[in-house]
Protein backbone atom coordinates (compact mmCIF):
# COMPACT_ATOMS: atom_id res chain seq x y z
CA UNK A 1 0.00 0.00 0.00
CA UNK A 2 1.16 3.48 -0.86
CA UNK A 3 0.98 6.23 1.72
CA UNK A 4 0.88 9.69 0.16
CA UNK A 5 -0.25 11.44 3.33
CA UNK A 6 3.18 13.04 3.86
CA UNK A 7 2.99 14.65 0.43
CA UNK A 8 0.23 17.00 1.65
CA UNK A 9 1.12 17.60 5.32
CA UNK A 10 2.64 21.01 4.56
CA UNK A 11 -0.65 22.38 3.18
CA UNK A 12 -2.40 24.64 5.69
CA UNK A 13 -4.97 27.42 5.60
CA UNK A 14 -6.02 29.36 8.69
CA UNK A 15 -4.26 26.85 10.96
CA UNK A 16 -6.03 23.83 9.46
CA UNK A 17 -4.50 21.10 7.36
CA UNK A 18 -5.92 20.23 3.95
CA UNK A 19 -7.17 16.98 5.50
CA UNK A 20 -9.02 18.80 8.29
CA UNK A 21 -10.63 21.11 5.72
CA UNK A 22 -11.76 18.13 3.61
CA UNK A 23 -13.14 16.37 6.70
CA UNK A 24 -15.09 19.46 7.76
CA UNK A 25 -16.64 19.91 4.33
CA UNK A 26 -17.75 16.28 4.04
CA UNK A 27 -18.91 16.18 7.69
CA UNK A 28 -21.24 19.07 6.89
CA UNK A 29 -23.11 16.66 4.58
CA UNK A 30 -21.63 18.28 1.52
CA UNK A 31 -20.59 15.86 -1.20
CA UNK A 32 -17.01 14.70 -1.73
CA UNK A 33 -17.14 16.36 -5.16
CA UNK A 34 -17.79 19.69 -3.47
CA UNK A 35 -14.89 19.04 -1.08
CA UNK A 36 -12.58 18.37 -4.04
CA UNK A 37 -13.70 21.63 -5.66
CA UNK A 38 -13.15 23.60 -2.44
CA UNK A 39 -9.69 22.08 -1.88
CA UNK A 40 -8.74 23.22 -5.39
CA UNK A 41 -10.06 26.72 -4.66
CA UNK A 42 -8.15 26.94 -1.37
CA UNK A 43 -4.96 25.42 -2.83
CA UNK A 44 -5.06 26.47 -6.52
CA UNK A 45 -1.64 24.99 -7.27
CA UNK A 46 -3.01 21.45 -6.73
CA UNK A 47 -4.18 19.35 -9.63
CA UNK A 48 -7.62 17.77 -9.70
CA UNK A 49 -6.01 14.41 -8.95
CA UNK A 50 -4.12 15.79 -5.94
CA UNK A 51 -7.28 17.41 -4.58
CA UNK A 52 -9.17 14.16 -5.01
CA UNK A 53 -6.39 12.29 -3.22
CA UNK A 54 -6.58 14.67 -0.24
CA UNK A 55 -10.32 14.08 0.09
CA UNK A 56 -9.86 10.30 -0.24
CA UNK A 57 -7.13 10.26 2.43
CA UNK A 58 -9.18 12.49 4.75
CA UNK A 59 -12.45 10.59 4.44
CA UNK A 60 -11.54 6.92 3.90
CA UNK A 61 -9.15 4.31 5.24
CA UNK A 62 -7.00 4.65 2.12
CA UNK A 63 -3.75 6.60 2.09
CA UNK A 64 -3.48 7.08 -1.67
CA UNK A 65 -5.77 7.58 -4.63
CA UNK A 66 -4.14 4.59 -6.30
CA UNK A 67 -5.10 2.23 -3.46
CA UNK A 68 -8.63 3.65 -3.27
CA UNK A 69 -9.22 3.16 -6.99
CA UNK A 70 -7.75 -0.34 -6.75
CA UNK A 71 -10.31 -1.18 -4.09
CA UNK A 72 -13.21 -0.36 -6.39
CA UNK A 73 -12.70 -3.26 -8.81
CA UNK A 74 -13.33 -6.08 -6.30
CA UNK A 75 -16.43 -4.24 -5.08
CA UNK A 76 -17.74 -3.88 -8.64
CA UNK A 77 -17.01 -7.52 -9.36
CA UNK A 78 -18.92 -8.57 -6.23
CA UNK A 79 -21.83 -6.33 -7.20
CA UNK A 80 -21.88 -7.92 -10.66
CA UNK A 81 -21.88 -11.39 -9.11
CA UNK A 82 -24.83 -10.48 -6.89
CA UNK A 83 -26.76 -9.10 -9.86
CA UNK A 84 -26.06 -12.27 -11.83
CA UNK A 85 -27.30 -14.42 -8.95
CA UNK A 86 -30.47 -12.34 -8.66
CA UNK A 87 -31.11 -12.70 -12.39
CA UNK A 88 -30.66 -16.47 -12.21
CA UNK A 89 -32.99 -16.63 -9.19
CA UNK A 90 -35.65 -14.61 -11.05
CA UNK A 91 -35.45 -16.97 -14.04
CA UNK A 92 -35.81 -20.00 -11.79
CA UNK A 93 -38.94 -18.53 -10.21
CA UNK A 94 -40.62 -17.91 -13.59
PDB file of N, CA and C in Angstrom:
ATOM      1  N   UNK A   1       0.836  -1.191   0.000  1.00  0.00           N
ATOM      2  CA  UNK A   1       0.000   0.000   0.000  1.00  0.00           C
ATOM      3  C   UNK A   1       0.873   1.245   0.000  1.00  0.00           C
ATOM      4  N   UNK A   2       0.478   2.197  -0.831  1.00  0.00           N
ATOM      5  CA  UNK A   2       1.159   3.478  -0.856  1.00  0.00           C
ATOM      6  C   UNK A   2       0.608   4.363   0.258  1.00  0.00           C
ATOM      7  N   UNK A   3       1.441   5.255   0.746  1.00  0.00           N
ATOM      8  CA  UNK A   3       0.976   6.230   1.715  1.00  0.00           C
ATOM      9  C   UNK A   3       1.451   7.607   1.257  1.00  0.00           C
ATOM     10  N   UNK A   4       0.543   8.361   0.663  1.00  0.00           N
ATOM     11  CA  UNK A   4       0.881   9.688   0.158  1.00  0.00           C
ATOM     12  C   UNK A   4       0.503  10.804   1.127  1.00  0.00           C
ATOM     13  N   UNK A   5       0.158  10.452   2.342  1.00  0.00           N
ATOM     14  CA  UNK A   5      -0.247  11.444   3.333  1.00  0.00           C
ATOM     15  C   UNK A   5       0.826  12.518   3.517  1.00  0.00           C
ATOM     16  N   UNK A   6       2.061  12.113   3.614  1.00  0.00           N
ATOM     17  CA  UNK A   6       3.177  13.040   3.862  1.00  0.00           C
ATOM     18  C   UNK A   6       3.273  14.106   2.776  1.00  0.00           C
ATOM     19  N   UNK A   7       2.914  13.737   1.581  1.00  0.00           N
ATOM     20  CA  UNK A   7       2.989  14.645   0.431  1.00  0.00           C
ATOM     21  C   UNK A   7       2.189  15.931   0.654  1.00  0.00           C
ATOM     22  N   UNK A   8       1.135  15.860   1.480  1.00  0.00           N
ATOM     23  CA  UNK A   8       0.228  16.996   1.648  1.00  0.00           C
ATOM     24  C   UNK A   8       0.254  17.612   3.047  1.00  0.00           C
ATOM     25  N   UNK A   9       1.099  17.110   3.934  1.00  0.00           N
ATOM     26  CA  UNK A   9       1.120  17.598   5.321  1.00  0.00           C
ATOM     27  C   UNK A   9       1.477  19.080   5.443  1.00  0.00           C
ATOM     28  N   UNK A  10       2.219  19.604   4.488  1.00  0.00           N
ATOM     29  CA  UNK A  10       2.636  21.006   4.563  1.00  0.00           C
ATOM     30  C   UNK A  10       1.520  21.991   4.183  1.00  0.00           C
ATOM     31  N   UNK A  11       0.429  21.497   3.625  1.00  0.00           N
ATOM     32  CA  UNK A  11      -0.652  22.378   3.184  1.00  0.00           C
ATOM     33  C   UNK A  11      -1.519  22.796   4.364  1.00  0.00           C
ATOM     34  N   UNK A  12      -1.579  24.099   4.594  1.00  0.00           N
ATOM     35  CA  UNK A  12      -2.397  24.636   5.687  1.00  0.00           C
ATOM     36  C   UNK A  12      -3.071  25.917   5.250  1.00  0.00           C
ATOM     37  N   UNK A  13      -4.254  26.151   5.810  1.00  0.00           N
ATOM     38  CA  UNK A  13      -4.967  27.415   5.601  1.00  0.00           C
ATOM     39  C   UNK A  13      -5.672  27.745   6.909  1.00  0.00           C
ATOM     40  N   UNK A  14      -5.418  28.901   7.439  1.00  0.00           N
ATOM     41  CA  UNK A  14      -6.022  29.363   8.694  1.00  0.00           C
ATOM     42  C   UNK A  14      -5.802  28.365   9.833  1.00  0.00           C
ATOM     43  N   UNK A  15      -4.609  27.774   9.879  1.00  0.00           N
ATOM     44  CA  UNK A  15      -4.263  26.853  10.955  1.00  0.00           C
ATOM     45  C   UNK A  15      -4.828  25.454  10.811  1.00  0.00           C
ATOM     46  N   UNK A  16      -5.459  25.157   9.683  1.00  0.00           N
ATOM     47  CA  UNK A  16      -6.033  23.829   9.460  1.00  0.00           C
ATOM     48  C   UNK A  16      -5.328  23.155   8.294  1.00  0.00           C
ATOM     49  N   UNK A  17      -5.127  21.855   8.450  1.00  0.00           N
ATOM     50  CA  UNK A  17      -4.504  21.102   7.356  1.00  0.00           C
ATOM     51  C   UNK A  17      -5.519  20.877   6.247  1.00  0.00           C
ATOM     52  N   UNK A  18      -5.032  20.532   5.075  1.00  0.00           N
ATOM     53  CA  UNK A  18      -5.920  20.227   3.950  1.00  0.00           C
ATOM     54  C   UNK A  18      -6.849  19.071   4.303  1.00  0.00           C
ATOM     55  N   UNK A  19      -6.348  18.124   5.086  1.00  0.00           N
ATOM     56  CA  UNK A  19      -7.171  16.983   5.499  1.00  0.00           C
ATOM     57  C   UNK A  19      -8.302  17.414   6.432  1.00  0.00           C
ATOM     58  N   UNK A  20      -7.984  18.301   7.370  1.00  0.00           N
ATOM     59  CA  UNK A  20      -9.023  18.805   8.285  1.00  0.00           C
ATOM     60  C   UNK A  20     -10.103  19.571   7.522  1.00  0.00           C
ATOM     61  N   UNK A  21      -9.677  20.348   6.540  1.00  0.00           N
ATOM     62  CA  UNK A  21     -10.630  21.105   5.724  1.00  0.00           C
ATOM     63  C   UNK A  21     -11.549  20.144   4.970  1.00  0.00           C
ATOM     64  N   UNK A  22     -10.968  19.120   4.355  1.00  0.00           N
ATOM     65  CA  UNK A  22     -11.764  18.133   3.611  1.00  0.00           C
ATOM     66  C   UNK A  22     -12.736  17.408   4.536  1.00  0.00           C
ATOM     67  N   UNK A  23     -12.267  17.041   5.725  1.00  0.00           N
ATOM     68  CA  UNK A  23     -13.143  16.368   6.698  1.00  0.00           C
ATOM     69  C   UNK A  23     -14.307  17.256   7.112  1.00  0.00           C
ATOM     70  N   UNK A  24     -14.037  18.533   7.351  1.00  0.00           N
ATOM     71  CA  UNK A  24     -15.095  19.462   7.762  1.00  0.00           C
ATOM     72  C   UNK A  24     -16.149  19.624   6.669  1.00  0.00           C
ATOM     73  N   UNK A  25     -15.704  19.720   5.441  1.00  0.00           N
ATOM     74  CA  UNK A  25     -16.641  19.905   4.335  1.00  0.00           C
ATOM     75  C   UNK A  25     -17.532  18.677   4.185  1.00  0.00           C
ATOM     76  N   UNK A  26     -16.945  17.500   4.211  1.00  0.00           N
ATOM     77  CA  UNK A  26     -17.749  16.285   4.037  1.00  0.00           C
ATOM     78  C   UNK A  26     -18.593  15.994   5.283  1.00  0.00           C
ATOM     79  N   UNK A  27     -18.126  16.386   6.464  1.00  0.00           N
ATOM     80  CA  UNK A  27     -18.913  16.179   7.686  1.00  0.00           C
ATOM     81  C   UNK A  27     -20.153  17.068   7.698  1.00  0.00           C
ATOM     82  N   UNK A  28     -20.095  18.157   6.965  1.00  0.00           N
ATOM     83  CA  UNK A  28     -21.235  19.072   6.892  1.00  0.00           C
ATOM     84  C   UNK A  28     -22.271  18.579   5.877  1.00  0.00           C
ATOM     85  N   UNK A  29     -22.170  17.295   5.520  1.00  0.00           N
ATOM     86  CA  UNK A  29     -23.107  16.656   4.582  1.00  0.00           C
ATOM     87  C   UNK A  29     -23.017  17.253   3.187  1.00  0.00           C
ATOM     88  N   UNK A  30     -21.874  17.794   2.873  1.00  0.00           N
ATOM     89  CA  UNK A  30     -21.626  18.283   1.518  1.00  0.00           C
ATOM     90  C   UNK A  30     -20.865  17.182   0.796  1.00  0.00           C
ATOM     91  N   UNK A  31     -21.136  16.995  -0.460  1.00  0.00           N
ATOM     92  CA  UNK A  31     -20.590  15.861  -1.204  1.00  0.00           C
ATOM     93  C   UNK A  31     -19.060  15.910  -1.313  1.00  0.00           C
ATOM     94  N   UNK A  32     -18.457  14.733  -1.491  1.00  0.00           N
ATOM     95  CA  UNK A  32     -17.011  14.701  -1.727  1.00  0.00           C
ATOM     96  C   UNK A  32     -16.601  15.511  -2.961  1.00  0.00           C
ATOM     97  N   UNK A  33     -17.458  15.569  -3.971  1.00  0.00           N
ATOM     98  CA  UNK A  33     -17.139  16.363  -5.163  1.00  0.00           C
ATOM     99  C   UNK A  33     -17.007  17.841  -4.807  1.00  0.00           C
ATOM    100  N   UNK A  34     -17.880  18.301  -3.927  1.00  0.00           N
ATOM    101  CA  UNK A  34     -17.789  19.692  -3.472  1.00  0.00           C
ATOM    102  C   UNK A  34     -16.491  19.906  -2.686  1.00  0.00           C
ATOM    103  N   UNK A  35     -16.137  18.934  -1.861  1.00  0.00           N
ATOM    104  CA  UNK A  35     -14.893  19.035  -1.083  1.00  0.00           C
ATOM    105  C   UNK A  35     -13.683  19.117  -2.016  1.00  0.00           C
ATOM    106  N   UNK A  36     -13.685  18.323  -3.070  1.00  0.00           N
ATOM    107  CA  UNK A  36     -12.579  18.365  -4.042  1.00  0.00           C
ATOM    108  C   UNK A  36     -12.501  19.754  -4.669  1.00  0.00           C
ATOM    109  N   UNK A  37     -13.647  20.289  -5.055  1.00  0.00           N
ATOM    110  CA  UNK A  37     -13.698  21.631  -5.661  1.00  0.00           C
ATOM    111  C   UNK A  37     -13.167  22.691  -4.695  1.00  0.00           C
ATOM    112  N   UNK A  38     -13.595  22.624  -3.426  1.00  0.00           N
ATOM    113  CA  UNK A  38     -13.145  23.605  -2.437  1.00  0.00           C
ATOM    114  C   UNK A  38     -11.646  23.489  -2.162  1.00  0.00           C
ATOM    115  N   UNK A  39     -11.130  22.269  -2.100  1.00  0.00           N
ATOM    116  CA  UNK A  39      -9.688  22.082  -1.883  1.00  0.00           C
ATOM    117  C   UNK A  39      -8.918  22.740  -3.023  1.00  0.00           C
ATOM    118  N   UNK A  40      -9.408  22.586  -4.235  1.00  0.00           N
ATOM    119  CA  UNK A  40      -8.741  23.220  -5.386  1.00  0.00           C
ATOM    120  C   UNK A  40      -8.826  24.733  -5.314  1.00  0.00           C
ATOM    121  N   UNK A  41      -9.936  25.264  -4.808  1.00  0.00           N
ATOM    122  CA  UNK A  41     -10.057  26.717  -4.658  1.00  0.00           C
ATOM    123  C   UNK A  41      -9.110  27.243  -3.588  1.00  0.00           C
ATOM    124  N   UNK A  42      -9.002  26.513  -2.491  1.00  0.00           N
ATOM    125  CA  UNK A  42      -8.154  26.940  -1.374  1.00  0.00           C
ATOM    126  C   UNK A  42      -6.674  26.775  -1.719  1.00  0.00           C
ATOM    127  N   UNK A  43      -6.342  25.714  -2.428  1.00  0.00           N
ATOM    128  CA  UNK A  43      -4.962  25.424  -2.828  1.00  0.00           C
ATOM    129  C   UNK A  43      -4.908  25.329  -4.357  1.00  0.00           C
ATOM    130  N   UNK A  44      -4.937  26.477  -5.054  1.00  0.00           N
ATOM    131  CA  UNK A  44      -5.058  26.470  -6.517  1.00  0.00           C
ATOM    132  C   UNK A  44      -3.899  25.811  -7.266  1.00  0.00           C
ATOM    133  N   UNK A  45      -2.781  25.628  -6.616  1.00  0.00           N
ATOM    134  CA  UNK A  45      -1.639  24.988  -7.274  1.00  0.00           C
ATOM    135  C   UNK A  45      -1.800  23.464  -7.381  1.00  0.00           C
ATOM    136  N   UNK A  46      -2.789  22.905  -6.684  1.00  0.00           N
ATOM    137  CA  UNK A  46      -3.008  21.454  -6.727  1.00  0.00           C
ATOM    138  C   UNK A  46      -3.770  21.063  -7.987  1.00  0.00           C
ATOM    139  N   UNK A  47      -3.437  19.899  -8.497  1.00  0.00           N
ATOM    140  CA  UNK A  47      -4.179  19.352  -9.626  1.00  0.00           C
ATOM    141  C   UNK A  47      -5.489  18.747  -9.125  1.00  0.00           C
ATOM    142  N   UNK A  48      -6.363  18.435 -10.050  1.00  0.00           N
ATOM    143  CA  UNK A  48      -7.622  17.773  -9.698  1.00  0.00           C
ATOM    144  C   UNK A  48      -7.335  16.439  -9.010  1.00  0.00           C
ATOM    145  N   UNK A  49      -6.367  15.708  -9.526  1.00  0.00           N
ATOM    146  CA  UNK A  49      -6.012  14.410  -8.954  1.00  0.00           C
ATOM    147  C   UNK A  49      -5.480  14.562  -7.529  1.00  0.00           C
ATOM    148  N   UNK A  50      -4.654  15.567  -7.291  1.00  0.00           N
ATOM    149  CA  UNK A  50      -4.124  15.786  -5.941  1.00  0.00           C
ATOM    150  C   UNK A  50      -5.243  16.183  -4.974  1.00  0.00           C
ATOM    151  N   UNK A  51      -6.150  17.011  -5.430  1.00  0.00           N
ATOM    152  CA  UNK A  51      -7.281  17.410  -4.584  1.00  0.00           C
ATOM    153  C   UNK A  51      -8.159  16.213  -4.248  1.00  0.00           C
ATOM    154  N   UNK A  52      -8.386  15.375  -5.237  1.00  0.00           N
ATOM    155  CA  UNK A  52      -9.173  14.160  -5.007  1.00  0.00           C
ATOM    156  C   UNK A  52      -8.468  13.253  -4.002  1.00  0.00           C
ATOM    157  N   UNK A  53      -7.147  13.143  -4.134  1.00  0.00           N
ATOM    158  CA  UNK A  53      -6.388  12.293  -3.219  1.00  0.00           C
ATOM    159  C   UNK A  53      -6.488  12.805  -1.781  1.00  0.00           C
ATOM    160  N   UNK A  54      -6.452  14.101  -1.589  1.00  0.00           N
ATOM    161  CA  UNK A  54      -6.576  14.667  -0.245  1.00  0.00           C
ATOM    162  C   UNK A  54      -7.930  14.294   0.359  1.00  0.00           C
ATOM    163  N   UNK A  55      -8.991  14.420  -0.412  1.00  0.00           N
ATOM    164  CA  UNK A  55     -10.324  14.081   0.088  1.00  0.00           C
ATOM    165  C   UNK A  55     -10.422  12.586   0.395  1.00  0.00           C
ATOM    166  N   UNK A  56      -9.850  11.752  -0.464  1.00  0.00           N
ATOM    167  CA  UNK A  56      -9.859  10.301  -0.236  1.00  0.00           C
ATOM    168  C   UNK A  56      -9.107   9.961   1.050  1.00  0.00           C
ATOM    169  N   UNK A  57      -7.928  10.533   1.229  1.00  0.00           N
ATOM    170  CA  UNK A  57      -7.126  10.264   2.427  1.00  0.00           C
ATOM    171  C   UNK A  57      -7.868  10.742   3.684  1.00  0.00           C
ATOM    172  N   UNK A  58      -8.508  11.910   3.584  1.00  0.00           N
ATOM    173  CA  UNK A  58      -9.184  12.488   4.746  1.00  0.00           C
ATOM    174  C   UNK A  58     -10.457  11.748   5.124  1.00  0.00           C
ATOM    175  N   UNK A  59     -11.110  11.119   4.165  1.00  0.00           N
ATOM    176  CA  UNK A  59     -12.445  10.586   4.438  1.00  0.00           C
ATOM    177  C   UNK A  59     -12.576   9.069   4.321  1.00  0.00           C
ATOM    178  N   UNK A  60     -11.495   8.389   4.008  1.00  0.00           N
ATOM    179  CA  UNK A  60     -11.542   6.923   3.902  1.00  0.00           C
ATOM    180  C   UNK A  60     -10.366   6.318   4.645  1.00  0.00           C
ATOM    181  N   UNK A  61     -10.287   5.003   4.623  1.00  0.00           N
ATOM    182  CA  UNK A  61      -9.153   4.313   5.244  1.00  0.00           C
ATOM    183  C   UNK A  61      -7.927   4.283   4.335  1.00  0.00           C
ATOM    184  N   UNK A  62      -8.082   4.734   3.100  1.00  0.00           N
ATOM    185  CA  UNK A  62      -6.997   4.652   2.123  1.00  0.00           C
ATOM    186  C   UNK A  62      -6.038   5.825   2.264  1.00  0.00           C
ATOM    187  N   UNK A  63      -4.781   5.580   1.960  1.00  0.00           N
ATOM    188  CA  UNK A  63      -3.748   6.599   2.089  1.00  0.00           C
ATOM    189  C   UNK A  63      -3.178   7.029   0.749  1.00  0.00           C
ATOM    190  N   UNK A  64      -3.847   6.611  -0.341  1.00  0.00           N
ATOM    191  CA  UNK A  64      -3.475   7.081  -1.674  1.00  0.00           C
ATOM    192  C   UNK A  64      -4.661   6.885  -2.610  1.00  0.00           C
ATOM    193  N   UNK A  65      -4.722   7.705  -3.625  1.00  0.00           N
ATOM    194  CA  UNK A  65      -5.771   7.585  -4.630  1.00  0.00           C
ATOM    195  C   UNK A  65      -5.639   6.257  -5.366  1.00  0.00           C
ATOM    196  N   UNK A  66      -4.400   5.850  -5.601  1.00  0.00           N
ATOM    197  CA  UNK A  66      -4.138   4.587  -6.297  1.00  0.00           C
ATOM    198  C   UNK A  66      -4.760   3.406  -5.554  1.00  0.00           C
ATOM    199  N   UNK A  67      -4.538   3.332  -4.254  1.00  0.00           N
ATOM    200  CA  UNK A  67      -5.104   2.227  -3.458  1.00  0.00           C
ATOM    201  C   UNK A  67      -6.632   2.293  -3.412  1.00  0.00           C
ATOM    202  N   UNK A  68      -7.172   3.502  -3.296  1.00  0.00           N
ATOM    203  CA  UNK A  68      -8.626   3.655  -3.272  1.00  0.00           C
ATOM    204  C   UNK A  68      -9.240   3.146  -4.576  1.00  0.00           C
ATOM    205  N   UNK A  69      -8.691   3.589  -5.695  1.00  0.00           N
ATOM    206  CA  UNK A  69      -9.224   3.163  -6.989  1.00  0.00           C
ATOM    207  C   UNK A  69      -9.046   1.665  -7.186  1.00  0.00           C
ATOM    208  N   UNK A  70      -7.963   1.101  -6.669  1.00  0.00           N
ATOM    209  CA  UNK A  70      -7.749  -0.337  -6.748  1.00  0.00           C
ATOM    210  C   UNK A  70      -8.770  -1.114  -5.952  1.00  0.00           C
ATOM    211  N   UNK A  71      -9.314  -0.500  -4.918  1.00  0.00           N
ATOM    212  CA  UNK A  71     -10.311  -1.177  -4.085  1.00  0.00           C
ATOM    213  C   UNK A  71     -11.678  -1.232  -4.758  1.00  0.00           C
ATOM    214  N   UNK A  72     -11.894  -0.418  -5.751  1.00  0.00           N
ATOM    215  CA  UNK A  72     -13.205  -0.356  -6.392  1.00  0.00           C
ATOM    216  C   UNK A  72     -13.491  -1.581  -7.258  1.00  0.00           C
ATOM    217  N   UNK A  73     -12.480  -2.132  -7.912  1.00  0.00           N
ATOM    218  CA  UNK A  73     -12.699  -3.261  -8.811  1.00  0.00           C
ATOM    219  C   UNK A  73     -13.283  -4.478  -8.095  1.00  0.00           C
ATOM    220  N   UNK A  74     -12.708  -4.933  -6.989  1.00  0.00           N
ATOM    221  CA  UNK A  74     -13.328  -6.079  -6.296  1.00  0.00           C
ATOM    222  C   UNK A  74     -14.773  -5.806  -5.880  1.00  0.00           C
ATOM    223  N   UNK A  75     -15.062  -4.586  -5.460  1.00  0.00           N
ATOM    224  CA  UNK A  75     -16.434  -4.237  -5.083  1.00  0.00           C
ATOM    225  C   UNK A  75     -17.365  -4.321  -6.283  1.00  0.00           C
ATOM    226  N   UNK A  76     -16.918  -3.816  -7.426  1.00  0.00           N
ATOM    227  CA  UNK A  76     -17.737  -3.878  -8.637  1.00  0.00           C
ATOM    228  C   UNK A  76     -17.933  -5.317  -9.098  1.00  0.00           C
ATOM    229  N   UNK A  77     -16.888  -6.114  -8.993  1.00  0.00           N
ATOM    230  CA  UNK A  77     -17.008  -7.524  -9.362  1.00  0.00           C
ATOM    231  C   UNK A  77     -18.019  -8.236  -8.463  1.00  0.00           C
ATOM    232  N   UNK A  78     -17.977  -7.967  -7.169  1.00  0.00           N
ATOM    233  CA  UNK A  78     -18.922  -8.572  -6.231  1.00  0.00           C
ATOM    234  C   UNK A  78     -20.345  -8.121  -6.539  1.00  0.00           C
ATOM    235  N   UNK A  79     -20.512  -6.851  -6.838  1.00  0.00           N
ATOM    236  CA  UNK A  79     -21.828  -6.334  -7.196  1.00  0.00           C
ATOM    237  C   UNK A  79     -22.353  -7.033  -8.451  1.00  0.00           C
ATOM    238  N   UNK A  80     -21.489  -7.207  -9.444  1.00  0.00           N
ATOM    239  CA  UNK A  80     -21.875  -7.918 -10.662  1.00  0.00           C
ATOM    240  C   UNK A  80     -22.284  -9.355 -10.382  1.00  0.00           C
ATOM    241  N   UNK A  81     -21.562 -10.016  -9.483  1.00  0.00           N
ATOM    242  CA  UNK A  81     -21.879 -11.394  -9.113  1.00  0.00           C
ATOM    243  C   UNK A  81     -23.257 -11.464  -8.446  1.00  0.00           C
ATOM    244  N   UNK A  82     -23.530 -10.523  -7.565  1.00  0.00           N
ATOM    245  CA  UNK A  82     -24.834 -10.483  -6.887  1.00  0.00           C
ATOM    246  C   UNK A  82     -25.955 -10.252  -7.898  1.00  0.00           C
ATOM    247  N   UNK A  83     -25.746  -9.339  -8.833  1.00  0.00           N
ATOM    248  CA  UNK A  83     -26.763  -9.095  -9.857  1.00  0.00           C
ATOM    249  C   UNK A  83     -27.008 -10.341 -10.702  1.00  0.00           C
ATOM    250  N   UNK A  84     -25.922 -11.039 -11.054  1.00  0.00           N
ATOM    251  CA  UNK A  84     -26.059 -12.272 -11.831  1.00  0.00           C
ATOM    252  C   UNK A  84     -26.864 -13.311 -11.062  1.00  0.00           C
ATOM    253  N   UNK A  85     -26.572 -13.459  -9.777  1.00  0.00           N
ATOM    254  CA  UNK A  85     -27.302 -14.422  -8.951  1.00  0.00           C
ATOM    255  C   UNK A  85     -28.781 -14.060  -8.859  1.00  0.00           C
ATOM    256  N   UNK A  86     -29.076 -12.772  -8.730  1.00  0.00           N
ATOM    257  CA  UNK A  86     -30.466 -12.337  -8.659  1.00  0.00           C
ATOM    258  C   UNK A  86     -31.194 -12.629  -9.972  1.00  0.00           C
ATOM    259  N   UNK A  87     -30.512 -12.433 -11.077  1.00  0.00           N
ATOM    260  CA  UNK A  87     -31.110 -12.696 -12.386  1.00  0.00           C
ATOM    261  C   UNK A  87     -31.386 -14.189 -12.557  1.00  0.00           C
ATOM    262  N   UNK A  88     -30.457 -15.012 -12.141  1.00  0.00           N
ATOM    263  CA  UNK A  88     -30.660 -16.470 -12.205  1.00  0.00           C
ATOM    264  C   UNK A  88     -31.828 -16.863 -11.329  1.00  0.00           C
ATOM    265  N   UNK A  89     -31.898 -16.314 -10.122  1.00  0.00           N
ATOM    266  CA  UNK A  89     -32.992 -16.633  -9.187  1.00  0.00           C
ATOM    267  C   UNK A  89     -34.340 -16.240  -9.786  1.00  0.00           C
ATOM    268  N   UNK A  90     -34.405 -15.050 -10.419  1.00  0.00           N
ATOM    269  CA  UNK A  90     -35.645 -14.609 -11.054  1.00  0.00           C
ATOM    270  C   UNK A  90     -36.086 -15.602 -12.138  1.00  0.00           C
ATOM    271  N   UNK A  91     -35.138 -16.038 -12.958  1.00  0.00           N
ATOM    272  CA  UNK A  91     -35.455 -16.969 -14.041  1.00  0.00           C
ATOM    273  C   UNK A  91     -35.938 -18.303 -13.495  1.00  0.00           C
ATOM    274  N   UNK A  92     -35.385 -18.742 -12.391  1.00  0.00           N
ATOM    275  CA  UNK A  92     -35.806 -19.996 -11.793  1.00  0.00           C
ATOM    276  C   UNK A  92     -37.233 -19.913 -11.242  1.00  0.00           C
ATOM    277  N   UNK A  93     -37.609 -18.722 -10.793  1.00  0.00           N
ATOM    278  CA  UNK A  93     -38.939 -18.530 -10.210  1.00  0.00           C
ATOM    279  C   UNK A  93     -40.029 -18.400 -11.285  1.00  0.00           C
ATOM    280  N   UNK A  94     -39.628 -18.104 -12.508  1.00  0.00           N
ATOM    281  CA  UNK A  94     -40.616 -17.915 -13.589  1.00  0.00           C
ATOM    282  C   UNK A  94     -41.243 -19.205 -14.020  1.00  0.00           C
TER     283      UNK A  94
END
